[in-house]
PDB file of N, CA and C in Angstrom:
ATOM      1  N   MET A   1       9.785 110.556  67.528  1.00  0.00           N
ATOM      2  CA  MET A   1      10.966 109.988  68.126  1.00  0.00           C
ATOM      3  C   MET A   1      11.877 111.132  68.562  1.00  0.00           C
ATOM      4  N   ALA A   2      12.547 110.951  69.669  1.00  0.00           N
ATOM      5  CA  ALA A   2      13.485 111.946  70.174  1.00  0.00           C
ATOM      6  C   ALA A   2      14.922 111.484  69.925  1.00  0.00           C
ATOM      7  N   ASN A   3      15.775 112.426  69.616  1.00  0.00           N
ATOM      8  CA  ASN A   3      17.191 112.159  69.367  1.00  0.00           C
ATOM      9  C   ASN A   3      17.997 113.284  69.989  1.00  0.00           C
ATOM     10  N   SER A   4      19.131 112.960  70.561  1.00  0.00           N
ATOM     11  CA  SER A   4      20.005 113.998  71.090  1.00  0.00           C
ATOM     12  C   SER A   4      21.139 114.263  70.104  1.00  0.00           C
ATOM     13  N   VAL A   5      21.448 115.538  69.930  1.00  0.00           N
ATOM     14  CA  VAL A   5      22.537 115.952  69.042  1.00  0.00           C
ATOM     15  C   VAL A   5      23.386 116.997  69.735  1.00  0.00           C
ATOM     16  N   GLY A   6      24.609 117.144  69.251  1.00  0.00           N
ATOM     17  CA  GLY A   6      25.464 118.214  69.721  1.00  0.00           C
ATOM     18  C   GLY A   6      25.123 119.507  68.985  1.00  0.00           C
ATOM     19  N   GLY A   7      25.766 120.561  69.353  1.00  0.00           N
ATOM     20  CA  GLY A   7      25.483 121.868  68.785  1.00  0.00           C
ATOM     21  C   GLY A   7      25.783 122.012  67.309  1.00  0.00           C
ATOM     22  N   ASN A   8      26.480 121.041  66.736  1.00  0.00           N
ATOM     23  CA  ASN A   8      26.769 121.115  65.297  1.00  0.00           C
ATOM     24  C   ASN A   8      25.747 120.335  64.473  1.00  0.00           C
ATOM     25  N   TYR A   9      24.796 119.676  65.141  1.00  0.00           N
ATOM     26  CA  TYR A   9      23.731 118.906  64.479  1.00  0.00           C
ATOM     27  C   TYR A   9      24.279 117.802  63.567  1.00  0.00           C
ATOM     28  N   THR A  10      25.445 117.285  63.883  1.00  0.00           N
ATOM     29  CA  THR A  10      26.037 116.221  63.085  1.00  0.00           C
ATOM     30  C   THR A  10      25.626 114.869  63.647  1.00  0.00           C
ATOM     31  N   LEU A  11      24.900 114.088  62.847  1.00  0.00           N
ATOM     32  CA  LEU A  11      24.377 112.815  63.315  1.00  0.00           C
ATOM     33  C   LEU A  11      25.434 111.719  63.408  1.00  0.00           C
ATOM     34  N   SER A  12      26.615 111.967  62.914  1.00  0.00           N
ATOM     35  CA  SER A  12      27.677 110.962  63.036  1.00  0.00           C
ATOM     36  C   SER A  12      28.398 111.086  64.380  1.00  0.00           C
ATOM     37  N   ASP A  13      28.010 112.079  65.199  1.00  0.00           N
ATOM     38  CA  ASP A  13      28.593 112.262  66.531  1.00  0.00           C
ATOM     39  C   ASP A  13      27.624 111.741  67.581  1.00  0.00           C
ATOM     40  N   GLY A  14      28.084 110.883  68.441  1.00  0.00           N
ATOM     41  CA  GLY A  14      27.245 110.372  69.514  1.00  0.00           C
ATOM     42  C   GLY A  14      26.577 109.060  69.150  1.00  0.00           C
ATOM     43  N   VAL A  15      26.408 108.215  70.137  1.00  0.00           N
ATOM     44  CA  VAL A  15      25.882 106.870  69.920  1.00  0.00           C
ATOM     45  C   VAL A  15      24.450 106.902  69.403  1.00  0.00           C
ATOM     46  N   MET A  16      23.588 107.657  70.046  1.00  0.00           N
ATOM     47  CA  MET A  16      22.187 107.677  69.630  1.00  0.00           C
ATOM     48  C   MET A  16      22.025 108.309  68.256  1.00  0.00           C
ATOM     49  N   ALA A  17      22.671 109.446  68.038  1.00  0.00           N
ATOM     50  CA  ALA A  17      22.564 110.138  66.750  1.00  0.00           C
ATOM     51  C   ALA A  17      23.088 109.252  65.615  1.00  0.00           C
ATOM     52  N   ARG A  18      24.203 108.545  65.858  1.00  0.00           N
ATOM     53  CA  ARG A  18      24.748 107.631  64.836  1.00  0.00           C
ATOM     54  C   ARG A  18      23.755 106.527  64.506  1.00  0.00           C
ATOM     55  N   SER A  19      23.093 106.027  65.528  1.00  0.00           N
ATOM     56  CA  SER A  19      22.106 104.974  65.327  1.00  0.00           C
ATOM     57  C   SER A  19      20.936 105.484  64.489  1.00  0.00           C
ATOM     58  N   VAL A  20      20.498 106.688  64.762  1.00  0.00           N
ATOM     59  CA  VAL A  20      19.424 107.304  63.960  1.00  0.00           C
ATOM     60  C   VAL A  20      19.884 107.455  62.513  1.00  0.00           C
ATOM     61  N   LEU A  21      21.081 107.948  62.313  1.00  0.00           N
ATOM     62  CA  LEU A  21      21.616 108.139  60.966  1.00  0.00           C
ATOM     63  C   LEU A  21      21.701 106.817  60.209  1.00  0.00           C
ATOM     64  N   GLU A  22      22.195 105.784  60.863  1.00  0.00           N
ATOM     65  CA  GLU A  22      22.333 104.473  60.206  1.00  0.00           C
ATOM     66  C   GLU A  22      20.982 103.920  59.776  1.00  0.00           C
ATOM     67  N   ARG A  23      19.988 104.088  60.614  1.00  0.00           N
ATOM     68  CA  ARG A  23      18.674 103.511  60.324  1.00  0.00           C
ATOM     69  C   ARG A  23      17.821 104.391  59.420  1.00  0.00           C
ATOM     70  N   ALA A  24      17.932 105.693  59.557  1.00  0.00           N
ATOM     71  CA  ALA A  24      17.106 106.615  58.754  1.00  0.00           C
ATOM     72  C   ALA A  24      17.715 106.868  57.380  1.00  0.00           C
ATOM     73  N   GLY A  25      19.033 106.755  57.264  1.00  0.00           N
ATOM     74  CA  GLY A  25      19.716 107.014  56.004  1.00  0.00           C
ATOM     75  C   GLY A  25      20.239 108.440  55.916  1.00  0.00           C
ATOM     76  N   ALA A  26      21.082 108.674  54.946  1.00  0.00           N
ATOM     77  CA  ALA A  26      21.766 109.961  54.784  1.00  0.00           C
ATOM     78  C   ALA A  26      20.808 111.125  54.551  1.00  0.00           C
ATOM     79  N   GLU A  27      19.604 110.842  54.062  1.00  0.00           N
ATOM     80  CA  GLU A  27      18.646 111.916  53.791  1.00  0.00           C
ATOM     81  C   GLU A  27      18.266 112.681  55.054  1.00  0.00           C
ATOM     82  N   ILE A  28      18.278 112.014  56.201  1.00  0.00           N
ATOM     83  CA  ILE A  28      17.910 112.709  57.429  1.00  0.00           C
ATOM     84  C   ILE A  28      18.957 113.762  57.786  1.00  0.00           C
ATOM     85  N   GLN A  29      20.245 113.467  57.549  1.00  0.00           N
ATOM     86  CA  GLN A  29      21.287 114.466  57.808  1.00  0.00           C
ATOM     87  C   GLN A  29      21.156 115.625  56.833  1.00  0.00           C
ATOM     88  N   LYS A  30      20.851 115.323  55.569  1.00  0.00           N
ATOM     89  CA  LYS A  30      20.666 116.392  54.575  1.00  0.00           C
ATOM     90  C   LYS A  30      19.519 117.302  54.978  1.00  0.00           C
ATOM     91  N   GLU A  31      18.406 116.710  55.417  1.00  0.00           N
ATOM     92  CA  GLU A  31      17.270 117.529  55.847  1.00  0.00           C
ATOM     93  C   GLU A  31      17.628 118.339  57.088  1.00  0.00           C
ATOM     94  N   LEU A  32      18.283 117.706  58.050  1.00  0.00           N
ATOM     95  CA  LEU A  32      18.680 118.405  59.271  1.00  0.00           C
ATOM     96  C   LEU A  32      19.576 119.596  58.946  1.00  0.00           C
ATOM     97  N   ASN A  33      20.505 119.416  58.025  1.00  0.00           N
ATOM     98  CA  ASN A  33      21.381 120.519  57.622  1.00  0.00           C
ATOM     99  C   ASN A  33      20.586 121.666  57.005  1.00  0.00           C
ATOM    100  N   SER A  34      19.508 121.341  56.296  1.00  0.00           N
ATOM    101  CA  SER A  34      18.740 122.387  55.617  1.00  0.00           C
ATOM    102  C   SER A  34      17.771 123.112  56.546  1.00  0.00           C
ATOM    103  N   VAL A  35      17.357 122.481  57.652  1.00  0.00           N
ATOM    104  CA  VAL A  35      16.376 123.118  58.534  1.00  0.00           C
ATOM    105  C   VAL A  35      16.970 123.639  59.845  1.00  0.00           C
ATOM    106  N   LYS A  36      18.206 123.300  60.148  1.00  0.00           N
ATOM    107  CA  LYS A  36      18.792 123.766  61.409  1.00  0.00           C
ATOM    108  C   LYS A  36      18.951 125.284  61.376  1.00  0.00           C
ATOM    109  N   PRO A  37      18.903 125.912  62.538  1.00  0.00           N
ATOM    110  CA  PRO A  37      19.038 127.373  62.588  1.00  0.00           C
ATOM    111  C   PRO A  37      20.427 127.828  62.151  1.00  0.00           C
ATOM    112  N   LYS A  38      20.480 129.016  61.619  1.00  0.00           N
ATOM    113  CA  LYS A  38      21.770 129.583  61.198  1.00  0.00           C
ATOM    114  C   LYS A  38      22.558 130.093  62.408  1.00  0.00           C
ATOM    115  N   SER A  39      21.854 130.463  63.469  1.00  0.00           N
ATOM    116  CA  SER A  39      22.526 130.957  64.675  1.00  0.00           C
ATOM    117  C   SER A  39      23.131 129.786  65.447  1.00  0.00           C
ATOM    118  N   PRO A  40      24.126 130.057  66.289  1.00  0.00           N
ATOM    119  CA  PRO A  40      24.758 128.981  67.055  1.00  0.00           C
ATOM    120  C   PRO A  40      23.727 128.250  67.925  1.00  0.00           C
ATOM    121  N   ALA A  41      23.855 126.941  68.000  1.00  0.00           N
ATOM    122  CA  ALA A  41      22.932 126.119  68.784  1.00  0.00           C
ATOM    123  C   ALA A  41      23.188 126.299  70.272  1.00  0.00           C
ATOM    124  N   ARG A  42      22.098 126.207  71.035  1.00  0.00           N
ATOM    125  CA  ARG A  42      22.190 126.257  72.492  1.00  0.00           C
ATOM    126  C   ARG A  42      21.529 125.009  73.054  1.00  0.00           C
ATOM    127  N   ALA A  43      21.988 124.564  74.198  1.00  0.00           N
ATOM    128  CA  ALA A  43      21.371 123.405  74.851  1.00  0.00           C
ATOM    129  C   ALA A  43      19.883 123.673  75.008  1.00  0.00           C
ATOM    130  N   GLY A  44      19.078 122.707  74.597  1.00  0.00           N
ATOM    131  CA  GLY A  44      17.633 122.835  74.679  1.00  0.00           C
ATOM    132  C   GLY A  44      16.978 123.176  73.354  1.00  0.00           C
ATOM    133  N   ASP A  45      17.761 123.609  72.364  1.00  0.00           N
ATOM    134  CA  ASP A  45      17.201 123.885  71.038  1.00  0.00           C
ATOM    135  C   ASP A  45      16.698 122.593  70.421  1.00  0.00           C
ATOM    136  N   ILE A  46      15.640 122.686  69.633  1.00  0.00           N
ATOM    137  CA  ILE A  46      15.065 121.510  68.996  1.00  0.00           C
ATOM    138  C   ILE A  46      14.805 121.784  67.523  1.00  0.00           C
ATOM    139  N   VAL A  47      15.147 120.812  66.688  1.00  0.00           N
ATOM    140  CA  VAL A  47      14.867 120.858  65.259  1.00  0.00           C
ATOM    141  C   VAL A  47      14.116 119.576  64.910  1.00  0.00           C
ATOM    142  N   VAL A  48      13.069 119.692  64.102  1.00  0.00           N
ATOM    143  CA  VAL A  48      12.251 118.541  63.734  1.00  0.00           C
ATOM    144  C   VAL A  48      12.502 118.185  62.269  1.00  0.00           C
ATOM    145  N   THR A  49      12.704 116.889  62.007  1.00  0.00           N
ATOM    146  CA  THR A  49      12.830 116.388  60.641  1.00  0.00           C
ATOM    147  C   THR A  49      11.844 115.246  60.448  1.00  0.00           C
ATOM    148  N   LYS A  50      11.679 114.827  59.221  1.00  0.00           N
ATOM    149  CA  LYS A  50      10.917 113.614  58.929  1.00  0.00           C
ATOM    150  C   LYS A  50      11.732 112.425  59.431  1.00  0.00           C
ATOM    151  N   GLY A  51      11.075 111.283  59.559  1.00  0.00           N
ATOM    152  CA  GLY A  51      11.757 110.081  60.025  1.00  0.00           C
ATOM    153  C   GLY A  51      12.510 109.336  58.930  1.00  0.00           C
ATOM    154  N   HIS A  52      12.225 109.675  57.688  1.00  0.00           N
ATOM    155  CA  HIS A  52      12.836 109.004  56.539  1.00  0.00           C
ATOM    156  C   HIS A  52      12.629 107.501  56.626  1.00  0.00           C
ATOM    157  N   ARG A  53      13.659 106.690  56.741  1.00  0.00           N
ATOM    158  CA  ARG A  53      13.485 105.227  56.745  1.00  0.00           C
ATOM    159  C   ARG A  53      13.122 104.659  58.117  1.00  0.00           C
ATOM    160  N   LEU A  54      12.950 105.507  59.109  1.00  0.00           N
ATOM    161  CA  LEU A  54      12.520 105.056  60.438  1.00  0.00           C
ATOM    162  C   LEU A  54      11.010 104.821  60.430  1.00  0.00           C
ATOM    163  N   SER A  55      10.519 104.063  61.361  1.00  0.00           N
ATOM    164  CA  SER A  55       9.072 103.888  61.462  1.00  0.00           C
ATOM    165  C   SER A  55       8.405 105.128  62.058  1.00  0.00           C
ATOM    166  N   ALA A  56       9.180 105.998  62.687  1.00  0.00           N
ATOM    167  CA  ALA A  56       8.656 107.257  63.225  1.00  0.00           C
ATOM    168  C   ALA A  56       8.413 108.244  62.087  1.00  0.00           C
ATOM    169  N   SER A  57       7.324 108.980  62.182  1.00  0.00           N
ATOM    170  CA  SER A  57       7.027 109.988  61.157  1.00  0.00           C
ATOM    171  C   SER A  57       7.962 111.181  61.266  1.00  0.00           C
ATOM    172  N   PHE A  58       8.305 111.549  62.505  1.00  0.00           N
ATOM    173  CA  PHE A  58       9.144 112.714  62.751  1.00  0.00           C
ATOM    174  C   PHE A  58      10.211 112.379  63.781  1.00  0.00           C
ATOM    175  N   VAL A  59      11.321 113.115  63.712  1.00  0.00           N
ATOM    176  CA  VAL A  59      12.384 113.004  64.715  1.00  0.00           C
ATOM    177  C   VAL A  59      12.612 114.392  65.298  1.00  0.00           C
ATOM    178  N   PHE A  60      12.570 114.485  66.621  1.00  0.00           N
ATOM    179  CA  PHE A  60      12.848 115.722  67.340  1.00  0.00           C
ATOM    180  C   PHE A  60      14.314 115.654  67.773  1.00  0.00           C
ATOM    181  N   HIS A  61      15.149 116.463  67.174  1.00  0.00           N
ATOM    182  CA  HIS A  61      16.579 116.482  67.473  1.00  0.00           C
ATOM    183  C   HIS A  61      16.816 117.571  68.518  1.00  0.00           C
ATOM    184  N   GLY A  62      17.115 117.168  69.748  1.00  0.00           N
ATOM    185  CA  GLY A  62      17.341 118.125  70.830  1.00  0.00           C
ATOM    186  C   GLY A  62      18.819 118.297  71.088  1.00  0.00           C
ATOM    187  N   VAL A  63      19.247 119.547  71.149  1.00  0.00           N
ATOM    188  CA  VAL A  63      20.665 119.852  71.401  1.00  0.00           C
ATOM    189  C   VAL A  63      20.942 119.736  72.895  1.00  0.00           C
ATOM    190  N   LEU A  64      21.879 118.867  73.217  1.00  0.00           N
ATOM    191  CA  LEU A  64      22.330 118.720  74.594  1.00  0.00           C
ATOM    192  C   LEU A  64      23.828 118.954  74.646  1.00  0.00           C
ATOM    193  N   LYS A  65      24.277 119.561  75.717  1.00  0.00           N
ATOM    194  CA  LYS A  65      25.719 119.728  75.889  1.00  0.00           C
ATOM    195  C   LYS A  65      26.296 118.454  76.478  1.00  0.00           C
ATOM    196  N   SER A  66      27.579 118.391  76.581  1.00  0.00           N
ATOM    197  CA  SER A  66      28.212 117.216  77.184  1.00  0.00           C
ATOM    198  C   SER A  66      27.709 117.055  78.612  1.00  0.00           C
ATOM    199  N   TRP A  67      27.344 115.844  78.965  1.00  0.00           N
ATOM    200  CA  TRP A  67      26.761 115.557  80.272  1.00  0.00           C
ATOM    201  C   TRP A  67      27.811 115.649  81.365  1.00  0.00           C
ATOM    202  N   THR A  68      27.494 116.422  82.414  1.00  0.00           N
ATOM    203  CA  THR A  68      28.393 116.502  83.566  1.00  0.00           C
ATOM    204  C   THR A  68      27.700 116.027  84.833  1.00  0.00           C
ATOM    205  N   GLY A  69      26.394 115.771  84.747  1.00  0.00           N
ATOM    206  CA  GLY A  69      25.656 115.281  85.900  1.00  0.00           C
ATOM    207  C   GLY A  69      25.165 116.369  86.834  1.00  0.00           C
ATOM    208  N   GLY A  70      25.281 117.618  86.439  1.00  0.00           N
ATOM    209  CA  GLY A  70      24.862 118.730  87.286  1.00  0.00           C
ATOM    210  C   GLY A  70      23.409 119.113  87.075  1.00  0.00           C
ATOM    211  N   GLN A  71      22.926 120.053  87.886  1.00  0.00           N
ATOM    212  CA  GLN A  71      21.540 120.506  87.822  1.00  0.00           C
ATOM    213  C   GLN A  71      21.218 121.134  86.470  1.00  0.00           C
ATOM    214  N   ASP A  72      22.173 121.883  85.909  1.00  0.00           N
ATOM    215  CA  ASP A  72      21.882 122.515  84.613  1.00  0.00           C
ATOM    216  C   ASP A  72      21.709 121.470  83.517  1.00  0.00           C
ATOM    217  N   ASP A  73      22.359 120.305  83.639  1.00  0.00           N
ATOM    218  CA  ASP A  73      22.155 119.214  82.684  1.00  0.00           C
ATOM    219  C   ASP A  73      20.717 118.707  82.771  1.00  0.00           C
ATOM    220  N   ALA A  74      20.250 118.496  83.981  1.00  0.00           N
ATOM    221  CA  ALA A  74      18.887 117.999  84.179  1.00  0.00           C
ATOM    222  C   ALA A  74      17.877 119.000  83.639  1.00  0.00           C
ATOM    223  N   GLU A  75      18.118 120.281  83.818  1.00  0.00           N
ATOM    224  CA  GLU A  75      17.202 121.301  83.311  1.00  0.00           C
ATOM    225  C   GLU A  75      17.180 121.318  81.786  1.00  0.00           C
ATOM    226  N   ALA A  76      18.325 121.146  81.151  1.00  0.00           N
ATOM    227  CA  ALA A  76      18.371 121.117  79.681  1.00  0.00           C
ATOM    228  C   ALA A  76      17.626 119.904  79.148  1.00  0.00           C
ATOM    229  N   VAL A  77      17.813 118.749  79.776  1.00  0.00           N
ATOM    230  CA  VAL A  77      17.105 117.538  79.351  1.00  0.00           C
ATOM    231  C   VAL A  77      15.607 117.733  79.544  1.00  0.00           C
ATOM    232  N   SER A  78      15.215 118.305  80.651  1.00  0.00           N
ATOM    233  CA  SER A  78      13.800 118.561  80.922  1.00  0.00           C
ATOM    234  C   SER A  78      13.202 119.492  79.867  1.00  0.00           C
ATOM    235  N   LYS A  79      13.937 120.517  79.479  1.00  0.00           N
ATOM    236  CA  LYS A  79      13.458 121.450  78.456  1.00  0.00           C
ATOM    237  C   LYS A  79      13.243 120.723  77.131  1.00  0.00           C
ATOM    238  N   VAL A  80      14.188 119.895  76.745  1.00  0.00           N
ATOM    239  CA  VAL A  80      14.070 119.146  75.490  1.00  0.00           C
ATOM    240  C   VAL A  80      12.851 118.228  75.536  1.00  0.00           C
ATOM    241  N   ILE A  81      12.678 117.505  76.625  1.00  0.00           N
ATOM    242  CA  ILE A  81      11.542 116.589  76.744  1.00  0.00           C
ATOM    243  C   ILE A  81      10.227 117.353  76.696  1.00  0.00           C
ATOM    244  N   ASN A  82      10.133 118.453  77.426  1.00  0.00           N
ATOM    245  CA  ASN A  82       8.893 119.229  77.429  1.00  0.00           C
ATOM    246  C   ASN A  82       8.590 119.807  76.056  1.00  0.00           C
ATOM    247  N   CYS A  83       9.604 120.234  75.335  1.00  0.00           N
ATOM    248  CA  CYS A  83       9.391 120.742  73.981  1.00  0.00           C
ATOM    249  C   CYS A  83       8.892 119.633  73.065  1.00  0.00           C
ATOM    250  N   HIS A  84       9.449 118.444  73.194  1.00  0.00           N
ATOM    251  CA  HIS A  84       8.990 117.299  72.403  1.00  0.00           C
ATOM    252  C   HIS A  84       7.502 117.047  72.664  1.00  0.00           C
ATOM    253  N   LEU A  85       7.143 117.023  73.946  1.00  0.00           N
ATOM    254  CA  LEU A  85       5.771 116.702  74.319  1.00  0.00           C
ATOM    255  C   LEU A  85       4.792 117.778  73.857  1.00  0.00           C
ATOM    256  N   SER A  86       5.192 119.042  73.974  1.00  0.00           N
ATOM    257  CA  SER A  86       4.269 120.109  73.584  1.00  0.00           C
ATOM    258  C   SER A  86       4.178 120.276  72.078  1.00  0.00           C
ATOM    259  N   ALA A  87       5.221 119.931  71.359  1.00  0.00           N
ATOM    260  CA  ALA A  87       5.208 120.105  69.885  1.00  0.00           C
ATOM    261  C   ALA A  87       4.563 118.949  69.168  1.00  0.00           C
ATOM    262  N   SER A  88       4.619 117.752  69.722  1.00  0.00           N
ATOM    263  CA  SER A  88       4.169 116.583  68.980  1.00  0.00           C
ATOM    264  C   SER A  88       2.704 116.628  68.546  1.00  0.00           C
ATOM    265  N   PRO A  89       1.762 117.145  69.338  1.00  0.00           N
ATOM    266  CA  PRO A  89       0.384 117.181  68.834  1.00  0.00           C
ATOM    267  C   PRO A  89       0.180 118.203  67.713  1.00  0.00           C
ATOM    268  N   LYS A  90       1.082 119.152  67.567  1.00  0.00           N
ATOM    269  CA  LYS A  90       0.950 120.205  66.567  1.00  0.00           C
ATOM    270  C   LYS A  90       1.457 119.790  65.196  1.00  0.00           C
ATOM    271  N   ILE A  91       2.164 118.670  65.121  1.00  0.00           N
ATOM    272  CA  ILE A  91       2.729 118.228  63.858  1.00  0.00           C
ATOM    273  C   ILE A  91       1.698 117.377  63.136  1.00  0.00           C
ATOM    274  N   PRO A  92       1.433 117.688  61.869  1.00  0.00           N
ATOM    275  CA  PRO A  92       0.396 116.945  61.125  1.00  0.00           C
ATOM    276  C   PRO A  92       0.737 115.484  60.943  1.00  0.00           C
TER     277      PRO A  92
END
């Protein structure tokens, strides 16, 4: 499953991330906090967690900046999607 997050990886921010948090439970935020990079997040970064209470085995959390509708937004979304697609067969 794919999820969009802001650079702080806080699942209580944003409609989709909040929905994931509500359905997966607080454990997904705890795991995300433990596996997120220590360096500042950049648009296109991806962190993978277990799905916890979701029916999905894994959640790909892609960092997106605030949408402005420009070309760089489309490129960041494309990068996140391509990373999801290329990483998913590698996950056990």
